[in-house]
């Protein structure tokens, strides 16, 4: 893990975590990387619909 990445605690149900683990395993990723992949895809879709999120909005 890169040391400059901020840590973030995510609270989800045990069932959802197990399902993410199954999907991650099928895709050859860790659970963390699968969640990161899904978030990136969601952000890309949001920006496609509403335009880019620019730094001043953060």
N, C-alpha and C. Protein backbone atom coordinates (compact mmCIF):
# COMPACT_ATOMS: atom_id res chain seq x y z
N UNK A 1 0.84 -1.20 0.00
CA UNK A 1 0.00 0.00 0.00
C UNK A 1 0.88 1.24 0.00
N UNK A 2 0.49 2.20 -0.81
CA UNK A 2 1.23 3.46 -0.83
C UNK A 2 0.99 4.19 0.48
N UNK A 3 2.05 4.73 1.04
CA UNK A 3 1.94 5.40 2.32
C UNK A 3 1.29 6.78 2.22
N UNK A 4 1.24 7.36 1.02
CA UNK A 4 0.63 8.68 0.88
C UNK A 4 -0.87 8.61 0.64
N UNK A 5 -1.44 7.41 0.55
CA UNK A 5 -2.89 7.27 0.41
C UNK A 5 -3.54 7.44 1.78
N UNK A 6 -4.59 8.24 1.86
CA UNK A 6 -5.28 8.36 3.15
C UNK A 6 -6.02 7.06 3.48
N UNK A 7 -6.13 6.78 4.75
CA UNK A 7 -6.91 5.61 5.19
C UNK A 7 -8.36 6.02 5.33
N UNK A 8 -9.26 5.10 5.02
CA UNK A 8 -10.68 5.37 5.11
C UNK A 8 -11.37 4.10 5.59
N UNK A 9 -12.16 4.21 6.63
CA UNK A 9 -12.89 3.07 7.15
C UNK A 9 -14.26 3.01 6.49
N UNK A 10 -14.60 1.85 5.97
CA UNK A 10 -15.89 1.65 5.31
C UNK A 10 -16.67 0.61 6.11
N UNK A 11 -17.87 0.97 6.49
CA UNK A 11 -18.72 0.03 7.22
C UNK A 11 -19.79 -0.51 6.28
N UNK A 12 -19.73 -1.81 6.02
CA UNK A 12 -20.72 -2.47 5.18
C UNK A 12 -21.10 -3.80 5.83
N UNK A 13 -22.21 -4.36 5.39
CA UNK A 13 -22.67 -5.62 5.97
C UNK A 13 -21.69 -6.74 5.63
N UNK A 14 -21.70 -7.75 6.47
CA UNK A 14 -20.86 -8.92 6.25
C UNK A 14 -21.21 -9.60 4.93
N UNK A 15 -22.50 -9.66 4.63
CA UNK A 15 -22.95 -10.28 3.39
C UNK A 15 -22.40 -9.54 2.17
N UNK A 16 -22.46 -8.21 2.20
CA UNK A 16 -21.96 -7.42 1.08
C UNK A 16 -20.45 -7.59 0.93
N UNK A 17 -19.74 -7.62 2.05
CA UNK A 17 -18.28 -7.79 2.00
C UNK A 17 -17.93 -9.16 1.41
N UNK A 18 -18.67 -10.19 1.77
CA UNK A 18 -18.42 -11.52 1.21
C UNK A 18 -18.70 -11.54 -0.29
N UNK A 19 -19.75 -10.86 -0.72
CA UNK A 19 -20.07 -10.82 -2.15
C UNK A 19 -19.00 -10.05 -2.91
N UNK A 20 -18.53 -8.95 -2.35
CA UNK A 20 -17.44 -8.19 -2.98
C UNK A 20 -16.19 -9.06 -3.06
N UNK A 21 -15.94 -9.84 -2.02
CA UNK A 21 -14.79 -10.74 -2.03
C UNK A 21 -14.89 -11.77 -3.13
N UNK A 22 -16.08 -12.29 -3.36
CA UNK A 22 -16.30 -13.27 -4.42
C UNK A 22 -16.07 -12.64 -5.79
N UNK A 23 -16.64 -11.46 -6.00
CA UNK A 23 -16.46 -10.75 -7.27
C UNK A 23 -14.99 -10.41 -7.49
N UNK A 24 -14.33 -9.93 -6.43
CA UNK A 24 -12.92 -9.56 -6.52
C UNK A 24 -12.07 -10.78 -6.90
N UNK A 25 -12.36 -11.90 -6.27
CA UNK A 25 -11.61 -13.12 -6.57
C UNK A 25 -11.79 -13.53 -8.03
N UNK A 26 -13.01 -13.44 -8.53
CA UNK A 26 -13.28 -13.78 -9.94
C UNK A 26 -12.58 -12.83 -10.89
N UNK A 27 -12.35 -11.59 -10.46
CA UNK A 27 -11.68 -10.59 -11.30
C UNK A 27 -10.18 -10.50 -11.04
N UNK A 28 -9.66 -11.36 -10.15
CA UNK A 28 -8.22 -11.36 -9.87
C UNK A 28 -7.76 -10.13 -9.09
N UNK A 29 -8.65 -9.58 -8.26
CA UNK A 29 -8.32 -8.40 -7.48
C UNK A 29 -8.54 -8.67 -6.00
N UNK A 30 -7.96 -7.82 -5.17
CA UNK A 30 -8.26 -7.85 -3.75
C UNK A 30 -9.60 -7.16 -3.54
N UNK A 31 -10.19 -7.34 -2.37
CA UNK A 31 -11.45 -6.64 -2.07
C UNK A 31 -11.23 -5.14 -2.15
N UNK A 32 -10.11 -4.66 -1.63
CA UNK A 32 -9.84 -3.23 -1.67
C UNK A 32 -9.76 -2.71 -3.10
N UNK A 33 -9.04 -3.43 -3.96
CA UNK A 33 -8.91 -3.00 -5.36
C UNK A 33 -10.23 -3.10 -6.10
N UNK A 34 -11.06 -4.08 -5.75
CA UNK A 34 -12.38 -4.19 -6.37
C UNK A 34 -13.25 -2.99 -6.00
N UNK A 35 -13.23 -2.62 -4.73
CA UNK A 35 -13.99 -1.45 -4.29
C UNK A 35 -13.47 -0.20 -4.97
N UNK A 36 -12.14 -0.06 -5.07
CA UNK A 36 -11.55 1.09 -5.75
C UNK A 36 -11.98 1.12 -7.22
N UNK A 37 -11.99 -0.03 -7.88
CA UNK A 37 -12.43 -0.13 -9.28
C UNK A 37 -13.87 0.34 -9.43
N UNK A 38 -14.74 -0.15 -8.53
CA UNK A 38 -16.15 0.23 -8.60
C UNK A 38 -16.35 1.72 -8.37
N UNK A 39 -15.61 2.29 -7.42
CA UNK A 39 -15.71 3.73 -7.16
C UNK A 39 -15.23 4.55 -8.36
N UNK A 40 -14.12 4.13 -8.97
CA UNK A 40 -13.62 4.84 -10.15
C UNK A 40 -14.65 4.79 -11.28
N UNK A 41 -15.27 3.63 -11.47
CA UNK A 41 -16.28 3.49 -12.52
C UNK A 41 -17.48 4.38 -12.24
N UNK A 42 -17.89 4.45 -10.99
CA UNK A 42 -19.03 5.29 -10.60
C UNK A 42 -18.70 6.77 -10.81
N UNK A 43 -17.51 7.19 -10.42
CA UNK A 43 -17.09 8.58 -10.61
C UNK A 43 -17.04 8.93 -12.10
N UNK A 44 -16.51 8.03 -12.90
CA UNK A 44 -16.45 8.26 -14.35
C UNK A 44 -17.86 8.43 -14.93
N UNK A 45 -18.79 7.61 -14.49
CA UNK A 45 -20.17 7.71 -14.97
C UNK A 45 -20.80 9.03 -14.52
N UNK A 46 -20.57 9.42 -13.28
CA UNK A 46 -21.07 10.70 -12.76
C UNK A 46 -20.53 11.87 -13.60
N UNK A 47 -19.22 11.84 -13.86
CA UNK A 47 -18.62 12.92 -14.64
C UNK A 47 -19.09 12.90 -16.09
N UNK A 48 -19.39 11.73 -16.62
CA UNK A 48 -19.94 11.65 -17.98
C UNK A 48 -21.29 12.35 -18.05
N UNK A 49 -22.10 12.16 -17.01
CA UNK A 49 -23.43 12.75 -16.98
C UNK A 49 -23.43 14.23 -16.62
N UNK A 50 -22.58 14.62 -15.68
CA UNK A 50 -22.65 15.97 -15.10
C UNK A 50 -21.42 16.83 -15.34
N UNK A 51 -20.43 16.30 -16.01
CA UNK A 51 -19.21 17.06 -16.26
C UNK A 51 -18.15 16.75 -15.21
N UNK A 52 -16.93 17.14 -15.52
CA UNK A 52 -15.82 16.81 -14.63
C UNK A 52 -15.95 17.47 -13.25
N UNK A 53 -15.51 16.75 -12.27
CA UNK A 53 -15.41 17.30 -10.91
C UNK A 53 -14.06 18.00 -10.84
N UNK A 54 -14.09 19.30 -10.67
CA UNK A 54 -12.84 20.05 -10.66
C UNK A 54 -12.38 20.28 -9.23
N UNK A 55 -11.10 20.49 -9.07
CA UNK A 55 -10.47 20.55 -7.77
C UNK A 55 -11.12 21.56 -6.83
N UNK A 56 -11.58 22.69 -7.34
CA UNK A 56 -12.18 23.70 -6.46
C UNK A 56 -13.47 23.21 -5.81
N UNK A 57 -14.11 22.17 -6.42
CA UNK A 57 -15.33 21.59 -5.85
C UNK A 57 -15.03 20.64 -4.70
N UNK A 58 -13.79 20.21 -4.59
CA UNK A 58 -13.45 19.18 -3.59
C UNK A 58 -13.36 19.72 -2.20
